[in-house]
Amino acid sequence: MRSLQILFEDMNIRMMDAHQSATHLKDLWTMLAAYIDSSANELAAITDDQALMIFAMQFQGVVTPWLEIRGMTTQLLKIFDSALDQFQREQQPVIVEGR
């Protein structure tokens, strides 16, 4: 009974973490969509080379971190897959021979 309670508590914590992560992801996508709309309006209003260069430098400042994030994604996915595999192994019942 106690191990079942611990299992449900663990599952509850994981679900709350997943919900919080999904909320952060949703907020991030909302922010990115607003930035894209704003950037499109700024780009449409550019009338000279200097304004274009300023826009390009600011835009590069936004894009560059995402290139680094893309590199981290594969590593994070491997970590999550490993953690999921370990969790699934821990949830499998132990079979004792001779009983």
PDB file of N, CA and C in Angstrom:
ATOM      1  N   MET A   1       0.827  -1.190   0.000  1.00  0.00           N
ATOM      2  CA  MET A   1       0.000   0.000   0.000  1.00  0.00           C
ATOM      3  C   MET A   1       0.873   1.256   0.000  1.00  0.00           C
ATOM      4  N   ARG A   2       1.923   1.235   0.808  1.00  0.00           N
ATOM      5  CA  ARG A   2       2.812   2.403   0.899  1.00  0.00           C
ATOM      6  C   ARG A   2       3.522   2.655  -0.434  1.00  0.00           C
ATOM      7  N   SER A   3       3.963   1.584  -1.106  1.00  0.00           N
ATOM      8  CA  SER A   3       4.661   1.771  -2.382  1.00  0.00           C
ATOM      9  C   SER A   3       3.710   2.328  -3.442  1.00  0.00           C
ATOM     10  N   LEU A   4       2.428   1.973  -3.379  1.00  0.00           N
ATOM     11  CA  LEU A   4       1.445   2.513  -4.308  1.00  0.00           C
ATOM     12  C   LEU A   4       1.256   4.010  -4.059  1.00  0.00           C
ATOM     13  N   GLN A   5       1.231   4.401  -2.793  1.00  0.00           N
ATOM     14  CA  GLN A   5       1.106   5.816  -2.447  1.00  0.00           C
ATOM     15  C   GLN A   5       2.314   6.602  -2.972  1.00  0.00           C
ATOM     16  N   ILE A   6       3.501   6.057  -2.797  1.00  0.00           N
ATOM     17  CA  ILE A   6       4.718   6.711  -3.281  1.00  0.00           C
ATOM     18  C   ILE A   6       4.683   6.827  -4.801  1.00  0.00           C
ATOM     19  N   LEU A   7       4.207   5.769  -5.468  1.00  0.00           N
ATOM     20  CA  LEU A   7       4.105   5.783  -6.923  1.00  0.00           C
ATOM     21  C   LEU A   7       3.169   6.897  -7.387  1.00  0.00           C
ATOM     22  N   PHE A   8       2.011   7.039  -6.734  1.00  0.00           N
ATOM     23  CA  PHE A   8       1.066   8.087  -7.115  1.00  0.00           C
ATOM     24  C   PHE A   8       1.608   9.481  -6.804  1.00  0.00           C
ATOM     25  N   GLU A   9       2.306   9.631  -5.694  1.00  0.00           N
ATOM     26  CA  GLU A   9       2.914  10.921  -5.373  1.00  0.00           C
ATOM     27  C   GLU A   9       3.961  11.289  -6.423  1.00  0.00           C
ATOM     28  N   ASP A  10       4.771  10.312  -6.812  1.00  0.00           N
ATOM     29  CA  ASP A  10       5.785  10.539  -7.837  1.00  0.00           C
ATOM     30  C   ASP A  10       5.129  10.915  -9.165  1.00  0.00           C
ATOM     31  N   MET A  11       4.061  10.196  -9.514  1.00  0.00           N
ATOM     32  CA  MET A  11       3.359  10.476 -10.756  1.00  0.00           C
ATOM     33  C   MET A  11       2.745  11.880 -10.712  1.00  0.00           C
ATOM     34  N   ASN A  12       2.207  12.269  -9.564  1.00  0.00           N
ATOM     35  CA  ASN A  12       1.617  13.597  -9.420  1.00  0.00           C
ATOM     36  C   ASN A  12       2.672  14.684  -9.615  1.00  0.00           C
ATOM     37  N   ILE A  13       3.836  14.501  -9.018  1.00  0.00           N
ATOM     38  CA  ILE A  13       4.924  15.475  -9.164  1.00  0.00           C
ATOM     39  C   ILE A  13       5.342  15.578 -10.627  1.00  0.00           C
ATOM     40  N   ARG A  14       5.469  14.436 -11.285  1.00  0.00           N
ATOM     41  CA  ARG A  14       5.866  14.442 -12.697  1.00  0.00           C
ATOM     42  C   ARG A  14       4.816  15.131 -13.569  1.00  0.00           C
ATOM     43  N   MET A  15       3.546  14.901 -13.272  1.00  0.00           N
ATOM     44  CA  MET A  15       2.474  15.530 -14.045  1.00  0.00           C
ATOM     45  C   MET A  15       2.463  17.042 -13.828  1.00  0.00           C
ATOM     46  N   MET A  16       2.688  17.487 -12.601  1.00  0.00           N
ATOM     47  CA  MET A  16       2.738  18.925 -12.323  1.00  0.00           C
ATOM     48  C   MET A  16       3.918  19.566 -13.051  1.00  0.00           C
ATOM     49  N   ASP A  17       5.067  18.885 -13.045  1.00  0.00           N
ATOM     50  CA  ASP A  17       6.239  19.395 -13.765  1.00  0.00           C
ATOM     51  C   ASP A  17       5.967  19.465 -15.267  1.00  0.00           C
ATOM     52  N   ALA A  18       5.325  18.443 -15.805  1.00  0.00           N
ATOM     53  CA  ALA A  18       5.007  18.428 -17.237  1.00  0.00           C
ATOM     54  C   ALA A  18       4.038  19.561 -17.582  1.00  0.00           C
ATOM     55  N   HIS A  19       3.050  19.789 -16.712  1.00  0.00           N
ATOM     56  CA  HIS A  19       2.086  20.869 -16.935  1.00  0.00           C
ATOM     57  C   HIS A  19       2.787  22.222 -16.918  1.00  0.00           C
ATOM     58  N   GLN A  20       3.663  22.419 -15.943  1.00  0.00           N
ATOM     59  CA  GLN A  20       4.399  23.677 -15.848  1.00  0.00           C
ATOM     60  C   GLN A  20       5.286  23.879 -17.080  1.00  0.00           C
ATOM     61  N   SER A  21       5.940  22.834 -17.521  1.00  0.00           N
ATOM     62  CA  SER A  21       6.788  22.926 -18.712  1.00  0.00           C
ATOM     63  C   SER A  21       5.965  23.250 -19.950  1.00  0.00           C
ATOM     64  N   ALA A  22       4.799  22.631 -20.069  1.00  0.00           N
ATOM     65  CA  ALA A  22       3.926  22.908 -21.214  1.00  0.00           C
ATOM     66  C   ALA A  22       3.450  24.359 -21.191  1.00  0.00           C
ATOM     67  N   THR A  23       3.162  24.873 -20.004  1.00  0.00           N
ATOM     68  CA  THR A  23       2.749  26.271 -19.872  1.00  0.00           C
ATOM     69  C   THR A  23       3.877  27.208 -20.293  1.00  0.00           C
ATOM     70  N   HIS A  24       5.099  26.904 -19.849  1.00  0.00           N
ATOM     71  CA  HIS A  24       6.245  27.727 -20.247  1.00  0.00           C
ATOM     72  C   HIS A  24       6.455  27.679 -21.758  1.00  0.00           C
ATOM     73  N   LEU A  25       6.296  26.507 -22.334  1.00  0.00           N
ATOM     74  CA  LEU A  25       6.462  26.351 -23.778  1.00  0.00           C
ATOM     75  C   LEU A  25       5.404  27.151 -24.533  1.00  0.00           C
ATOM     76  N   LYS A  26       4.169  27.095 -24.059  1.00  0.00           N
ATOM     77  CA  LYS A  26       3.090  27.863 -24.680  1.00  0.00           C
ATOM     78  C   LYS A  26       3.391  29.357 -24.609  1.00  0.00           C
ATOM     79  N   ASP A  27       3.840  29.829 -23.445  1.00  0.00           N
ATOM     80  CA  ASP A  27       4.192  31.243 -23.289  1.00  0.00           C
ATOM     81  C   ASP A  27       5.327  31.638 -24.229  1.00  0.00           C
ATOM     82  N   LEU A  28       6.307  30.757 -24.366  1.00  0.00           N
ATOM     83  CA  LEU A  28       7.434  31.028 -25.255  1.00  0.00           C
ATOM     84  C   LEU A  28       6.969  31.165 -26.697  1.00  0.00           C
ATOM     85  N   TRP A  29       6.110  30.248 -27.148  1.00  0.00           N
ATOM     86  CA  TRP A  29       5.617  30.315 -28.523  1.00  0.00           C
ATOM     87  C   TRP A  29       4.779  31.568 -28.741  1.00  0.00           C
ATOM     88  N   THR A  30       4.009  31.986 -27.741  1.00  0.00           N
ATOM     89  CA  THR A  30       3.224  33.219 -27.841  1.00  0.00           C
ATOM     90  C   THR A  30       4.149  34.422 -27.990  1.00  0.00           C
ATOM     91  N   MET A  31       5.208  34.446 -27.176  1.00  0.00           N
ATOM     92  CA  MET A  31       6.175  35.532 -27.238  1.00  0.00           C
ATOM     93  C   MET A  31       6.884  35.556 -28.600  1.00  0.00           C
ATOM     94  N   LEU A  32       7.272  34.384 -29.099  1.00  0.00           N
ATOM     95  CA  LEU A  32       7.938  34.318 -30.403  1.00  0.00           C
ATOM     96  C   LEU A  32       7.013  34.781 -31.532  1.00  0.00           C
ATOM     97  N   ALA A  33       5.747  34.406 -31.461  1.00  0.00           N
ATOM     98  CA  ALA A  33       4.793  34.839 -32.487  1.00  0.00           C
ATOM     99  C   ALA A  33       4.655  36.358 -32.477  1.00  0.00           C
ATOM    100  N   ALA A  34       4.592  36.952 -31.287  1.00  0.00           N
ATOM    101  CA  ALA A  34       4.509  38.413 -31.187  1.00  0.00           C
ATOM    102  C   ALA A  34       5.778  39.063 -31.734  1.00  0.00           C
ATOM    103  N   TYR A  35       6.930  38.469 -31.445  1.00  0.00           N
ATOM    104  CA  TYR A  35       8.193  39.015 -31.947  1.00  0.00           C
ATOM    105  C   TYR A  35       8.261  38.933 -33.472  1.00  0.00           C
ATOM    106  N   ILE A  36       7.791  37.843 -34.028  1.00  0.00           N
ATOM    107  CA  ILE A  36       7.792  37.682 -35.487  1.00  0.00           C
ATOM    108  C   ILE A  36       6.893  38.728 -36.136  1.00  0.00           C
ATOM    109  N   ASP A  37       5.701  38.931 -35.565  1.00  0.00           N
ATOM    110  CA  ASP A  37       4.795  39.953 -36.101  1.00  0.00           C
ATOM    111  C   ASP A  37       5.430  41.340 -36.031  1.00  0.00           C
ATOM    112  N   SER A  38       6.027  41.646 -34.891  1.00  0.00           N
ATOM    113  CA  SER A  38       6.686  42.938 -34.706  1.00  0.00           C
ATOM    114  C   SER A  38       7.844  43.104 -35.688  1.00  0.00           C
ATOM    115  N   SER A  39       8.624  42.048 -35.859  1.00  0.00           N
ATOM    116  CA  SER A  39       9.761  42.097 -36.785  1.00  0.00           C
ATOM    117  C   SER A  39       9.294  42.298 -38.222  1.00  0.00           C
ATOM    118  N   ALA A  40       8.207  41.650 -38.596  1.00  0.00           N
ATOM    119  CA  ALA A  40       7.675  41.813 -39.955  1.00  0.00           C
ATOM    120  C   ALA A  40       7.248  43.258 -40.187  1.00  0.00           C
ATOM    121  N   ASN A  41       6.616  43.865 -39.180  1.00  0.00           N
ATOM    122  CA  ASN A  41       6.206  45.269 -39.304  1.00  0.00           C
ATOM    123  C   ASN A  41       7.427  46.188 -39.397  1.00  0.00           C
ATOM    124  N   GLU A  42       8.434  45.925 -38.566  1.00  0.00           N
ATOM    125  CA  GLU A  42       9.661  46.730 -38.609  1.00  0.00           C
ATOM    126  C   GLU A  42      10.353  46.590 -39.962  1.00  0.00           C
ATOM    127  N   LEU A  43      10.428  45.374 -40.460  1.00  0.00           N
ATOM    128  CA  LEU A  43      11.085  45.126 -41.744  1.00  0.00           C
ATOM    129  C   LEU A  43      10.359  45.855 -42.875  1.00  0.00           C
ATOM    130  N   ALA A  44       9.044  45.844 -42.823  1.00  0.00           N
ATOM    131  CA  ALA A  44       8.257  46.522 -43.861  1.00  0.00           C
ATOM    132  C   ALA A  44       8.467  48.039 -43.830  1.00  0.00           C
ATOM    133  N   ALA A  45       8.812  48.574 -42.655  1.00  0.00           N
ATOM    134  CA  ALA A  45       8.978  50.023 -42.511  1.00  0.00           C
ATOM    135  C   ALA A  45      10.399  50.500 -42.814  1.00  0.00           C
ATOM    136  N   ILE A  46      11.318  49.584 -43.094  1.00  0.00           N
ATOM    137  CA  ILE A  46      12.712  49.966 -43.351  1.00  0.00           C
ATOM    138  C   ILE A  46      12.804  50.679 -44.702  1.00  0.00           C
ATOM    139  N   THR A  47      13.486  51.843 -44.664  1.00  0.00           N
ATOM    140  CA  THR A  47      13.587  52.642 -45.889  1.00  0.00           C
ATOM    141  C   THR A  47      15.020  52.936 -46.312  1.00  0.00           C
ATOM    142  N   ASP A  48      15.994  52.581 -45.456  1.00  0.00           N
ATOM    143  CA  ASP A  48      17.379  52.874 -45.838  1.00  0.00           C
ATOM    144  C   ASP A  48      18.309  51.766 -45.360  1.00  0.00           C
ATOM    145  N   ASP A  49      19.545  51.819 -45.848  1.00  0.00           N
ATOM    146  CA  ASP A  49      20.537  50.782 -45.535  1.00  0.00           C
ATOM    147  C   ASP A  49      20.880  50.713 -44.052  1.00  0.00           C
ATOM    148  N   GLN A  50      20.962  51.873 -43.415  1.00  0.00           N
ATOM    149  CA  GLN A  50      21.327  51.900 -41.995  1.00  0.00           C
ATOM    150  C   GLN A  50      20.252  51.211 -41.148  1.00  0.00           C
ATOM    151  N   ALA A  51      19.006  51.501 -41.427  1.00  0.00           N
ATOM    152  CA  ALA A  51      17.912  50.870 -40.686  1.00  0.00           C
ATOM    153  C   ALA A  51      17.912  49.358 -40.921  1.00  0.00           C
ATOM    154  N   LEU A  52      18.221  48.948 -42.149  1.00  0.00           N
ATOM    155  CA  LEU A  52      18.283  47.519 -42.458  1.00  0.00           C
ATOM    156  C   LEU A  52      19.412  46.842 -41.692  1.00  0.00           C
ATOM    157  N   MET A  53      20.565  47.503 -41.599  1.00  0.00           N
ATOM    158  CA  MET A  53      21.686  46.920 -40.867  1.00  0.00           C
ATOM    159  C   MET A  53      21.358  46.803 -39.372  1.00  0.00           C
ATOM    160  N   ILE A  54      20.741  47.813 -38.806  1.00  0.00           N
ATOM    161  CA  ILE A  54      20.354  47.763 -37.389  1.00  0.00           C
ATOM    162  C   ILE A  54      19.370  46.622 -37.162  1.00  0.00           C
ATOM    163  N   PHE A  55      18.392  46.510 -38.049  1.00  0.00           N
ATOM    164  CA  PHE A  55      17.413  45.427 -37.930  1.00  0.00           C
ATOM    165  C   PHE A  55      18.097  44.064 -38.007  1.00  0.00           C
ATOM    166  N   ALA A  56      18.999  43.902 -38.966  1.00  0.00           N
ATOM    167  CA  ALA A  56      19.689  42.619 -39.152  1.00  0.00           C
ATOM    168  C   ALA A  56      20.510  42.254 -37.922  1.00  0.00           C
ATOM    169  N   MET A  57      21.181  43.232 -37.320  1.00  0.00           N
ATOM    170  CA  MET A  57      21.990  42.944 -36.124  1.00  0.00           C
ATOM    171  C   MET A  57      21.105  42.561 -34.940  1.00  0.00           C
ATOM    172  N   GLN A  58      19.987  43.252 -34.772  1.00  0.00           N
ATOM    173  CA  GLN A  58      19.068  42.912 -33.683  1.00  0.00           C
ATOM    174  C   GLN A  58      18.449  41.534 -33.906  1.00  0.00           C
ATOM    175  N   PHE A  59      18.082  41.261 -35.142  1.00  0.00           N
ATOM    176  CA  PHE A  59      17.483  39.968 -35.459  1.00  0.00           C
ATOM    177  C   PHE A  59      18.485  38.838 -35.246  1.00  0.00           C
ATOM    178  N   GLN A  60      19.735  39.068 -35.605  1.00  0.00           N
ATOM    179  CA  GLN A  60      20.785  38.066 -35.395  1.00  0.00           C
ATOM    180  C   GLN A  60      20.939  37.759 -33.908  1.00  0.00           C
ATOM    181  N   GLY A  61      20.766  38.785 -33.069  1.00  0.00           N
ATOM    182  CA  GLY A  61      20.843  38.581 -31.622  1.00  0.00           C
ATOM    183  C   GLY A  61      19.755  37.659 -31.097  1.00  0.00           C
ATOM    184  N   VAL A  62      18.646  37.593 -31.806  1.00  0.00           N
ATOM    185  CA  VAL A  62      17.559  36.690 -31.414  1.00  0.00           C
ATOM    186  C   VAL A  62      17.798  35.290 -31.977  1.00  0.00           C
ATOM    187  N   VAL A  63      18.292  35.207 -33.191  1.00  0.00           N
ATOM    188  CA  VAL A  63      18.463  33.918 -33.866  1.00  0.00           C
ATOM    189  C   VAL A  63      19.629  33.115 -33.297  1.00  0.00           C
ATOM    190  N   THR A  64      20.728  33.772 -32.982  1.00  0.00           N
ATOM    191  CA  THR A  64      21.940  33.075 -32.541  1.00  0.00           C
ATOM    192  C   THR A  64      21.712  32.147 -31.345  1.00  0.00           C
ATOM    193  N   PRO A  65      21.028  32.585 -30.278  1.00  0.00           N
ATOM    194  CA  PRO A  65      20.810  31.652 -29.162  1.00  0.00           C
ATOM    195  C   PRO A  65      20.021  30.407 -29.567  1.00  0.00           C
ATOM    196  N   TRP A  66      19.124  30.537 -30.549  1.00  0.00           N
ATOM    197  CA  TRP A  66      18.342  29.381 -30.978  1.00  0.00           C
ATOM    198  C   TRP A  66      19.207  28.352 -31.688  1.00  0.00           C
ATOM    199  N   LEU A  67      20.259  28.791 -32.322  1.00  0.00           N
ATOM    200  CA  LEU A  67      21.181  27.834 -32.946  1.00  0.00           C
ATOM    201  C   LEU A  67      21.872  27.002 -31.871  1.00  0.00           C
ATOM    202  N   GLU A  68      22.207  27.636 -30.753  1.00  0.00           N
ATOM    203  CA  GLU A  68      22.819  26.906 -29.635  1.00  0.00           C
ATOM    204  C   GLU A  68      21.805  25.954 -28.999  1.00  0.00           C
ATOM    205  N   ILE A  69      20.575  26.426 -28.869  1.00  0.00           N
ATOM    206  CA  ILE A  69      19.516  25.587 -28.294  1.00  0.00           C
ATOM    207  C   ILE A  69      19.289  24.357 -29.164  1.00  0.00           C
ATOM    208  N   ARG A  70      19.316  24.545 -30.477  1.00  0.00           N
ATOM    209  CA  ARG A  70      19.140  23.404 -31.387  1.00  0.00           C
ATOM    210  C   ARG A  70      20.210  22.346 -31.121  1.00  0.00           C
ATOM    211  N   GLY A  71      21.431  22.793 -30.852  1.00  0.00           N
ATOM    212  CA  GLY A  71      22.509  21.851 -30.559  1.00  0.00           C
ATOM    213  C   GLY A  71      22.291  21.096 -29.259  1.00  0.00           C
ATOM    214  N   MET A  72      21.642  21.735 -28.291  1.00  0.00           N
ATOM    215  CA  MET A  72      21.397  21.096 -26.993  1.00  0.00           C
ATOM    216  C   MET A  72      20.227  20.122 -27.041  1.00  0.00           C
ATOM    217  N   THR A  73      19.333  20.308 -27.989  1.00  0.00           N
ATOM    218  CA  THR A  73      18.112  19.513 -28.043  1.00  0.00           C
ATOM    219  C   THR A  73      18.387  18.022 -28.141  1.00  0.00           C
ATOM    220  N   THR A  74      19.290  17.629 -28.998  1.00  0.00           N
ATOM    221  CA  THR A  74      19.602  16.209 -29.163  1.00  0.00           C
ATOM    222  C   THR A  74      20.109  15.620 -27.856  1.00  0.00           C
ATOM    223  N   GLN A  75      20.972  16.352 -27.186  1.00  0.00           N
ATOM    224  CA  GLN A  75      21.518  15.882 -25.910  1.00  0.00           C
ATOM    225  C   GLN A  75      20.407  15.750 -24.865  1.00  0.00           C
ATOM    226  N   LEU A  76      19.510  16.731 -24.800  1.00  0.00           N
ATOM    227  CA  LEU A  76      18.410  16.665 -23.838  1.00  0.00           C
ATOM    228  C   LEU A  76      17.472  15.503 -24.140  1.00  0.00           C
ATOM    229  N   LEU A  77      17.188  15.273 -25.414  1.00  0.00           N
ATOM    230  CA  LEU A  77      16.318  14.153 -25.775  1.00  0.00           C
ATOM    231  C   LEU A  77      16.919  12.819 -25.348  1.00  0.00           C
ATOM    232  N   LYS A  78      18.229  12.676 -25.481  1.00  0.00           N
ATOM    233  CA  LYS A  78      18.888  11.446 -25.033  1.00  0.00           C
ATOM    234  C   LYS A  78      18.758  11.284 -23.520  1.00  0.00           C
ATOM    235  N   ILE A  79      18.910  12.380 -22.787  1.00  0.00           N
ATOM    236  CA  ILE A  79      18.778  12.326 -21.326  1.00  0.00           C
ATOM    237  C   ILE A  79      17.356  11.940 -20.940  1.00  0.00           C
ATOM    238  N   PHE A  80      16.348  12.561 -21.598  1.00  0.00           N
ATOM    239  CA  PHE A  80      14.956  12.236 -21.293  1.00  0.00           C
ATOM    240  C   PHE A  80      14.636  10.784 -21.635  1.00  0.00           C
ATOM    241  N   ASP A  81      15.124  10.311 -22.776  1.00  0.00           N
ATOM    242  CA  ASP A  81      14.902   8.913 -23.157  1.00  0.00           C
ATOM    243  C   ASP A  81      15.519   7.963 -22.137  1.00  0.00           C
ATOM    244  N   SER A  82      16.716   8.283 -21.681  1.00  0.00           N
ATOM    245  CA  SER A  82      17.392   7.458 -20.681  1.00  0.00           C
ATOM    246  C   SER A  82      16.616   7.448 -19.368  1.00  0.00           C
ATOM    247  N   ALA A  83      16.135   8.626 -18.950  1.00  0.00           N
ATOM    248  CA  ALA A  83      15.359   8.714 -17.708  1.00  0.00           C
ATOM    249  C   ALA A  83      14.054   7.932 -17.831  1.00  0.00           C
ATOM    250  N   LEU A  84      13.403   8.020 -18.986  1.00  0.00           N
ATOM    251  CA  LEU A  84      12.163   7.275 -19.202  1.00  0.00           C
ATOM    252  C   LEU A  84      12.419   5.777 -19.185  1.00  0.00           C
ATOM    253  N   ASP A  85      13.484   5.339 -19.829  1.00  0.00           N
ATOM    254  CA  ASP A  85      13.840   3.914 -19.813  1.00  0.00           C
ATOM    255  C   ASP A  85      14.085   3.431 -18.387  1.00  0.00           C
ATOM    256  N   GLN A  86      14.818   4.222 -17.609  1.00  0.00           N
ATOM    257  CA  GLN A  86      15.097   3.849 -16.223  1.00  0.00           C
ATOM    258  C   GLN A  86      13.809   3.783 -15.413  1.00  0.00           C
ATOM    259  N   PHE A  87      12.922   4.773 -15.593  1.00  0.00           N
ATOM    260  CA  PHE A  87      11.646   4.784 -14.875  1.00  0.00           C
ATOM    261  C   PHE A  87      10.825   3.553 -15.230  1.00  0.00           C
ATOM    262  N   GLN A  88      10.777   3.209 -16.513  1.00  0.00           N
ATOM    263  CA  GLN A  88      10.001   2.044 -16.936  1.00  0.00           C
ATOM    264  C   GLN A  88      10.586   0.756 -16.369  1.00  0.00           C
ATOM    265  N   ARG A  89      11.912   0.663 -16.310  1.00  0.00           N
ATOM    266  CA  ARG A  89      12.542  -0.524 -15.714  1.00  0.00           C
ATOM    267  C   ARG A  89      12.207  -0.632 -14.229  1.00  0.00           C
ATOM    268  N   GLU A  90      12.177   0.507 -13.540  1.00  0.00           N
ATOM    269  CA  GLU A  90      11.877   0.496 -12.105  1.00  0.00           C
ATOM    270  C   GLU A  90      10.431   0.113 -11.831  1.00  0.00           C
ATOM    271  N   GLN A  91       9.539   0.352 -12.802  1.00  0.00           N
ATOM    272  CA  GLN A  91       8.125   0.051 -12.611  1.00  0.00           C
ATOM    273  C   GLN A  91       7.784  -1.404 -12.904  1.00  0.00           C
ATOM    274  N   GLN A  92       8.689  -2.119 -13.564  1.00  0.00           N
ATOM    275  CA  GLN A  92       8.436  -3.522 -13.875  1.00  0.00           C
ATOM    276  C   GLN A  92       8.568  -4.350 -12.600  1.00  0.00           C
ATOM    277  N   PRO A  93       7.644  -5.286 -12.402  1.00  0.00           N
ATOM    278  CA  PRO A  93       7.730  -6.124 -11.200  1.00  0.00           C
ATOM    279  C   PRO A  93       8.968  -7.023 -11.241  1.00  0.00           C
ATOM    280  N   VAL A  94       9.520  -7.232 -10.085  1.00  0.00           N
ATOM    281  CA  VAL A  94      10.688  -8.105  -9.960  1.00  0.00           C
ATOM    282  C   VAL A  94      10.197  -9.542  -9.897  1.00  0.00           C
ATOM    283  N   ILE A  95      10.740 -10.392 -10.756  1.00  0.00           N
ATOM    284  CA  ILE A  95      10.348 -11.803 -10.778  1.00  0.00           C
ATOM    285  C   ILE A  95      11.409 -12.588 -10.014  1.00  0.00           C
ATOM    286  N   VAL A  96      10.953 -13.253  -8.959  1.00  0.00           N
ATOM    287  CA  VAL A  96      11.859 -14.063  -8.149  1.00  0.00           C
ATOM    288  C   VAL A  96      11.607 -15.516  -8.503  1.00  0.00           C
ATOM    289  N   GLU A  97      12.647 -16.208  -8.943  1.00  0.00           N
ATOM    290  CA  GLU A  97      12.499 -17.606  -9.340  1.00  0.00           C
ATOM    291  C   GLU A  97      12.287 -18.484  -8.112  1.00  0.00           C
ATOM    292  N   GLY A  98      11.479 -19.511  -8.306  1.00  0.00           N
ATOM    293  CA  GLY A  98      11.253 -20.478  -7.239  1.00  0.00           C
ATOM    294  C   GLY A  98      10.080 -20.113  -6.339  1.00  0.00           C
ATOM    295  N   ARG A  99       9.352 -19.076  -6.676  1.00  0.00           N
ATOM    296  CA  ARG A  99       8.187 -18.694  -5.856  1.00  0.00           C
ATOM    297  C   ARG A  99       6.934 -18.731  -6.662  1.00  0.00           C
TER     298      ARG A  99
END
